[in-house]
PDB file of all heavy atoms in Angstrom:
ATOM      1  N   LEU A   1      95.727 100.865 122.607  1.00  0.00           N
ATOM      2  CA  LEU A   1      96.446 100.976 121.333  1.00  0.00           C
ATOM      3  C   LEU A   1      95.848 100.022 120.298  1.00  0.00           C
ATOM      4  O   LEU A   1      95.659 100.379 119.133  1.00  0.00           O
ATOM      5  CB  LEU A   1      97.932 100.668 121.543  1.00  0.00           C
ATOM      6  CG  LEU A   1      98.812 100.704 120.279  1.00  0.00           C
ATOM      7  CD1 LEU A   1      98.760 102.063 119.609  1.00  0.00           C
ATOM      8  CD2 LEU A   1     100.246 100.318 120.621  1.00  0.00           C
ATOM      9  N   GLU A   2      95.540  98.808 120.762  1.00  0.00           N
ATOM     10  CA  GLU A   2      94.956  97.828 119.855  1.00  0.00           C
ATOM     11  C   GLU A   2      93.601  98.290 119.348  1.00  0.00           C
ATOM     12  O   GLU A   2      93.276  98.143 118.166  1.00  0.00           O
ATOM     13  CB  GLU A   2      94.821  96.479 120.586  1.00  0.00           C
ATOM     14  CG  GLU A   2      94.474  95.337 119.645  1.00  0.00           C
ATOM     15  CD  GLU A   2      94.522  93.995 120.354  1.00  0.00           C
ATOM     16  OE1 GLU A   2      95.178  93.894 121.408  1.00  0.00           O
ATOM     17  OE2 GLU A   2      93.887  93.058 119.846  1.00  0.00           O
ATOM     18  N   GLN A   3      92.800  98.877 120.260  1.00  0.00           N
ATOM     19  CA  GLN A   3      91.492  99.404 119.860  1.00  0.00           C
ATOM     20  C   GLN A   3      91.648 100.527 118.835  1.00  0.00           C
ATOM     21  O   GLN A   3      90.894 100.631 117.856  1.00  0.00           O
ATOM     22  CB  GLN A   3      90.730  99.945 121.085  1.00  0.00           C
ATOM     23  CG  GLN A   3      90.103  98.865 121.922  1.00  0.00           C
ATOM     24  CD  GLN A   3      89.331  99.477 123.101  1.00  0.00           C
ATOM     25  OE1 GLN A   3      89.662 100.580 123.554  1.00  0.00           O
ATOM     26  NE2 GLN A   3      88.352  98.758 123.586  1.00  0.00           N
ATOM     27  N   PHE A   4      92.655 101.365 119.067  1.00  0.00           N
ATOM     28  CA  PHE A   4      92.906 102.497 118.173  1.00  0.00           C
ATOM     29  C   PHE A   4      93.261 101.994 116.766  1.00  0.00           C
ATOM     30  O   PHE A   4      92.735 102.469 115.764  1.00  0.00           O
ATOM     31  CB  PHE A   4      94.061 103.333 118.757  1.00  0.00           C
ATOM     32  CG  PHE A   4      94.321 104.618 118.011  1.00  0.00           C
ATOM     33  CD1 PHE A   4      93.493 105.723 118.172  1.00  0.00           C
ATOM     34  CD2 PHE A   4      95.396 104.724 117.147  1.00  0.00           C
ATOM     35  CE1 PHE A   4      93.729 106.897 117.491  1.00  0.00           C
ATOM     36  CE2 PHE A   4      95.643 105.891 116.462  1.00  0.00           C
ATOM     37  CZ  PHE A   4      94.804 106.988 116.634  1.00  0.00           C
ATOM     38  N   LEU A   5      94.131 100.977 116.692  1.00  0.00           N
ATOM     39  CA  LEU A   5      94.528 100.426 115.407  1.00  0.00           C
ATOM     40  C   LEU A   5      93.366  99.701 114.732  1.00  0.00           C
ATOM     41  O   LEU A   5      93.201  99.766 113.514  1.00  0.00           O
ATOM     42  CB  LEU A   5      95.710  99.467 115.599  1.00  0.00           C
ATOM     43  CG  LEU A   5      97.021 100.118 116.080  1.00  0.00           C
ATOM     44  CD1 LEU A   5      98.065  99.061 116.373  1.00  0.00           C
ATOM     45  CD2 LEU A   5      97.538 101.110 115.045  1.00  0.00           C
ATOM     46  N   GLU A   6      92.576  98.995 115.548  1.00  0.00           N
ATOM     47  CA  GLU A   6      91.413  98.292 114.998  1.00  0.00           C
ATOM     48  C   GLU A   6      90.405  99.274 114.392  1.00  0.00           C
ATOM     49  O   GLU A   6      89.789  98.998 113.362  1.00  0.00           O
ATOM     50  CB  GLU A   6      90.737  97.449 116.081  1.00  0.00           C
ATOM     51  CG  GLU A   6      91.470  96.163 116.405  1.00  0.00           C
ATOM     52  CD  GLU A   6      90.775  95.374 117.500  1.00  0.00           C
ATOM     53  OE1 GLU A   6      89.715  95.841 117.996  1.00  0.00           O
ATOM     54  OE2 GLU A   6      91.291  94.304 117.868  1.00  0.00           O
ATOM     55  N   GLN A   7      90.264 100.423 115.053  1.00  0.00           N
ATOM     56  CA  GLN A   7      89.324 101.426 114.548  1.00  0.00           C
ATOM     57  C   GLN A   7      89.787 101.978 113.197  1.00  0.00           C
ATOM     58  O   GLN A   7      88.985 102.182 112.284  1.00  0.00           O
ATOM     59  CB  GLN A   7      89.180 102.561 115.562  1.00  0.00           C
ATOM     60  CG  GLN A   7      88.041 103.509 115.240  1.00  0.00           C
ATOM     61  CD  GLN A   7      87.787 104.495 116.374  1.00  0.00           C
ATOM     62  OE1 GLN A   7      88.450 104.455 117.411  1.00  0.00           O
ATOM     63  NE2 GLN A   7      86.831 105.381 116.179  1.00  0.00           N
ATOM     64  N   GLU A   8      91.106 102.210 113.072  1.00  0.00           N
ATOM     65  CA  GLU A   8      91.648 102.669 111.793  1.00  0.00           C
ATOM     66  C   GLU A   8      91.417 101.624 110.705  1.00  0.00           C
ATOM     67  O   GLU A   8      91.008 101.929 109.594  1.00  0.00           O
ATOM     68  CB  GLU A   8      93.152 102.955 111.922  1.00  0.00           C
ATOM     69  CG  GLU A   8      93.486 104.269 112.602  1.00  0.00           C
ATOM     70  CD  GLU A   8      94.955 104.630 112.420  1.00  0.00           C
ATOM     71  OE1 GLU A   8      95.744 103.745 112.029  1.00  0.00           O
ATOM     72  OE2 GLU A   8      95.306 105.792 112.654  1.00  0.00           O
ATOM     73  N   GLU A   9      91.687 100.356 111.079  1.00  0.00           N
ATOM     74  CA  GLU A   9      91.511  99.261 110.129  1.00  0.00           C
ATOM     75  C   GLU A   9      90.055  99.145 109.696  1.00  0.00           C
ATOM     76  O   GLU A   9      89.752  98.895 108.534  1.00  0.00           O
ATOM     77  CB  GLU A   9      91.999  97.962 110.779  1.00  0.00           C
ATOM     78  CG  GLU A   9      92.106  96.806 109.816  1.00  0.00           C
ATOM     79  CD  GLU A   9      92.706  95.573 110.499  1.00  0.00           C
ATOM     80  OE1 GLU A   9      93.652  95.728 111.286  1.00  0.00           O
ATOM     81  OE2 GLU A   9      92.198  94.472 110.226  1.00  0.00           O
ATOM     82  N   GLN A  10      89.161  99.335 110.660  1.00  0.00           N
ATOM     83  CA  GLN A  10      87.730  99.249 110.364  1.00  0.00           C
ATOM     84  C   GLN A  10      87.304 100.371 109.415  1.00  0.00           C
ATOM     85  O   GLN A  10      86.486 100.165 108.514  1.00  0.00           O
ATOM     86  CB  GLN A  10      86.927  99.317 111.671  1.00  0.00           C
ATOM     87  CG  GLN A  10      85.442  99.050 111.470  1.00  0.00           C
ATOM     88  CD  GLN A  10      84.675  99.052 112.790  1.00  0.00           C
ATOM     89  OE1 GLN A  10      85.275  99.106 113.867  1.00  0.00           O
ATOM     90  NE2 GLN A  10      83.366  98.991 112.702  1.00  0.00           N
ATOM     91  N   GLN A  11      87.871 101.544 109.630  1.00  0.00           N
ATOM     92  CA  GLN A  11      87.573 102.668 108.744  1.00  0.00           C
ATOM     93  C   GLN A  11      87.931 102.344 107.298  1.00  0.00           C
ATOM     94  O   GLN A  11      87.163 102.574 106.363  1.00  0.00           O
ATOM     95  CB  GLN A  11      88.370 103.909 109.182  1.00  0.00           C
ATOM     96  CG  GLN A  11      87.540 104.949 109.915  1.00  0.00           C
ATOM     97  CD  GLN A  11      88.380 106.195 110.177  1.00  0.00           C
ATOM     98  OE1 GLN A  11      89.449 106.123 110.782  1.00  0.00           O
ATOM     99  NE2 GLN A  11      87.909 107.327 109.733  1.00  0.00           N
ATOM    100  N   LEU A  12      89.126 101.791 107.125  1.00  0.00           N
ATOM    101  CA  LEU A  12      89.594 101.448 105.788  1.00  0.00           C
ATOM    102  C   LEU A  12      88.735 100.348 105.169  1.00  0.00           C
ATOM    103  O   LEU A  12      88.416 100.375 103.984  1.00  0.00           O
ATOM    104  CB  LEU A  12      91.063 101.006 105.845  1.00  0.00           C
ATOM    105  CG  LEU A  12      92.076 102.095 106.247  1.00  0.00           C
ATOM    106  CD1 LEU A  12      93.427 101.489 106.550  1.00  0.00           C
ATOM    107  CD2 LEU A  12      92.201 103.138 105.133  1.00  0.00           C
ATOM    108  N   GLN A  13      88.361  99.373 106.010  1.00  0.00           N
ATOM    109  CA  GLN A  13      87.526  98.275 105.524  1.00  0.00           C
ATOM    110  C   GLN A  13      86.159  98.786 105.064  1.00  0.00           C
ATOM    111  O   GLN A  13      85.626  98.340 104.038  1.00  0.00           O
ATOM    112  CB  GLN A  13      87.357  97.210 106.620  1.00  0.00           C
ATOM    113  CG  GLN A  13      86.705  95.929 106.116  1.00  0.00           C
ATOM    114  CD  GLN A  13      86.743  94.833 107.162  1.00  0.00           C
ATOM    115  OE1 GLN A  13      87.116  95.062 108.318  1.00  0.00           O
ATOM    116  NE2 GLN A  13      86.356  93.622 106.769  1.00  0.00           N
ATOM    117  N   GLU A  14      85.622  99.751 105.802  1.00  0.00           N
ATOM    118  CA  GLU A  14      84.326 100.324 105.428  1.00  0.00           C
ATOM    119  C   GLU A  14      84.416 101.047 104.083  1.00  0.00           C
ATOM    120  O   GLU A  14      83.504 100.979 103.254  1.00  0.00           O
ATOM    121  CB  GLU A  14      83.850 101.288 106.526  1.00  0.00           C
ATOM    122  CG  GLU A  14      83.354 100.586 107.782  1.00  0.00           C
ATOM    123  CD  GLU A  14      82.999 101.570 108.880  1.00  0.00           C
ATOM    124  OE1 GLU A  14      83.169 102.799 108.659  1.00  0.00           O
ATOM    125  OE2 GLU A  14      82.587 101.128 109.971  1.00  0.00           O
ATOM    126  N   MET A  15      85.539 101.760 103.867  1.00  0.00           N
ATOM    127  CA  MET A  15      85.729 102.438 102.574  1.00  0.00           C
ATOM    128  C   MET A  15      85.695 101.435 101.420  1.00  0.00           C
ATOM    129  O   MET A  15      85.039 101.649 100.401  1.00  0.00           O
ATOM    130  CB  MET A  15      87.074 103.189 102.555  1.00  0.00           C
ATOM    131  CG  MET A  15      87.146 104.411 103.427  1.00  0.00           C
ATOM    132  SD  MET A  15      88.773 105.205 103.241  1.00  0.00           S
ATOM    133  CE  MET A  15      88.675 106.463 104.513  1.00  0.00           C
ATOM    134  N   VAL A  16      86.431 100.329 101.601  1.00  0.00           N
ATOM    135  CA  VAL A  16      86.494  99.315 100.550  1.00  0.00           C
ATOM    136  C   VAL A  16      85.129  98.667 100.352  1.00  0.00           C
ATOM    137  O   VAL A  16      84.715  98.407  99.211  1.00  0.00           O
ATOM    138  CB  VAL A  16      87.566  98.256 100.891  1.00  0.00           C
ATOM    139  CG1 VAL A  16      87.534  97.120  99.866  1.00  0.00           C
ATOM    140  CG2 VAL A  16      88.950  98.894 100.929  1.00  0.00           C
ATOM    141  N   GLU A  17      84.403  98.417 101.440  1.00  0.00           N
ATOM    142  CA  GLU A  17      83.066  97.821 101.340  1.00  0.00           C
ATOM    143  C   GLU A  17      82.117  98.743 100.575  1.00  0.00           C
ATOM    144  O   GLU A  17      81.277  98.281  99.789  1.00  0.00           O
ATOM    145  CB  GLU A  17      82.513  97.516 102.732  1.00  0.00           C
ATOM    146  CG  GLU A  17      83.165  96.298 103.392  1.00  0.00           C
ATOM    147  CD  GLU A  17      82.683  96.080 104.823  1.00  0.00           C
ATOM    148  OE1 GLU A  17      81.911  96.952 105.315  1.00  0.00           O
ATOM    149  OE2 GLU A  17      83.077  95.082 105.440  1.00  0.00           O
ATOM    150  N   GLU A  18      82.257 100.055 100.794  1.00  0.00           N
ATOM    151  CA  GLU A  18      81.408 101.009 100.070  1.00  0.00           C
ATOM    152  C   GLU A  18      81.691 100.972  98.570  1.00  0.00           C
ATOM    153  O   GLU A  18      80.774 101.079  97.746  1.00  0.00           O
ATOM    154  CB  GLU A  18      81.639 102.428 100.624  1.00  0.00           C
ATOM    155  CG  GLU A  18      81.030 102.626 102.004  1.00  0.00           C
ATOM    156  CD  GLU A  18      81.541 103.873 102.718  1.00  0.00           C
ATOM    157  OE1 GLU A  18      82.550 104.463 102.254  1.00  0.00           O
ATOM    158  OE2 GLU A  18      80.951 104.248 103.742  1.00  0.00           O
ATOM    159  N   ILE A  19      82.962 100.784  98.208  1.00  0.00           N
ATOM    160  CA  ILE A  19      83.319 100.671  96.791  1.00  0.00           C
ATOM    161  C   ILE A  19      82.755  99.376  96.214  1.00  0.00           C
ATOM    162  O   ILE A  19      82.170  99.356  95.122  1.00  0.00           O
ATOM    163  CB  ILE A  19      84.856 100.711  96.624  1.00  0.00           C
ATOM    164  CG1 ILE A  19      85.392 102.093  97.021  1.00  0.00           C
ATOM    165  CG2 ILE A  19      85.258 100.379  95.187  1.00  0.00           C
ATOM    166  CD1 ILE A  19      86.902 102.169  97.083  1.00  0.00           C
ATOM    167  N   ALA A  20      82.921  98.286  96.968  1.00  0.00           N
ATOM    168  CA  ALA A  20      82.429  96.979  96.511  1.00  0.00           C
ATOM    169  C   ALA A  20      80.903  96.965  96.423  1.00  0.00           C
ATOM    170  O   ALA A  20      80.332  96.423  95.470  1.00  0.00           O
ATOM    171  CB  ALA A  20      82.927  95.885  97.440  1.00  0.00           C
ATOM    172  N   ASP A  21      80.234  97.565  97.416  1.00  0.00           N
ATOM    173  CA  ASP A  21      78.769  97.582  97.418  1.00  0.00           C
ATOM    174  C   ASP A  21      78.210  98.360  96.224  1.00  0.00           C
ATOM    175  O   ASP A  21      77.127  98.058  95.724  1.00  0.00           O
ATOM    176  CB  ASP A  21      78.249  98.199  98.723  1.00  0.00           C
ATOM    177  CG  ASP A  21      78.497  97.280  99.920  1.00  0.00           C
ATOM    178  OD1 ASP A  21      78.779  96.079  99.692  1.00  0.00           O
ATOM    179  OD2 ASP A  21      78.433  97.763 101.074  1.00  0.00           O
ATOM    180  N   ALA A  22      78.956  99.383  95.789  1.00  0.00           N
ATOM    181  CA  ALA A  22      78.502 100.155  94.630  1.00  0.00           C
ATOM    182  C   ALA A  22      78.627  99.343  93.343  1.00  0.00           C
ATOM    183  O   ALA A  22      78.017  99.683  92.330  1.00  0.00           O
ATOM    184  CB  ALA A  22      79.303 101.446  94.509  1.00  0.00           C
ATOM    185  N   GLY A  23      79.444  98.280  93.395  1.00  0.00           N
ATOM    186  CA  GLY A  23      79.602  97.407  92.236  1.00  0.00           C
ATOM    187  C   GLY A  23      80.815  97.700  91.384  1.00  0.00           C
ATOM    188  O   GLY A  23      80.887  97.263  90.233  1.00  0.00           O
ATOM    189  N   ALA A  24      81.792  98.428  91.923  1.00  0.00           N
ATOM    190  CA  ALA A  24      82.973  98.795  91.148  1.00  0.00           C
ATOM    191  C   ALA A  24      83.927  97.619  91.007  1.00  0.00           C
ATOM    192  O   ALA A  24      84.180  96.884  91.962  1.00  0.00           O
ATOM    193  CB  ALA A  24      83.684  99.979  91.803  1.00  0.00           C
ATOM    194  N   ASP A  25      84.452  97.430  89.802  1.00  0.00           N
ATOM    195  CA  ASP A  25      85.495  96.431  89.542  1.00  0.00           C
ATOM    196  C   ASP A  25      86.880  97.066  89.501  1.00  0.00           C
ATOM    197  O   ASP A  25      87.890  96.394  89.712  1.00  0.00           O
ATOM    198  CB  ASP A  25      85.241  95.731  88.202  1.00  0.00           C
ATOM    199  CG  ASP A  25      83.881  95.061  88.156  1.00  0.00           C
ATOM    200  OD1 ASP A  25      83.585  94.269  89.063  1.00  0.00           O
ATOM    201  OD2 ASP A  25      83.107  95.354  87.215  1.00  0.00           O
TER     202      ASP A  25
END
């Protein structure tokens, strides 16, 4: 269960990193 939740969290973090890497404010 913890792995499952961590994977979801990681997915969301990757989305935000992609926005930040593009340079969006």
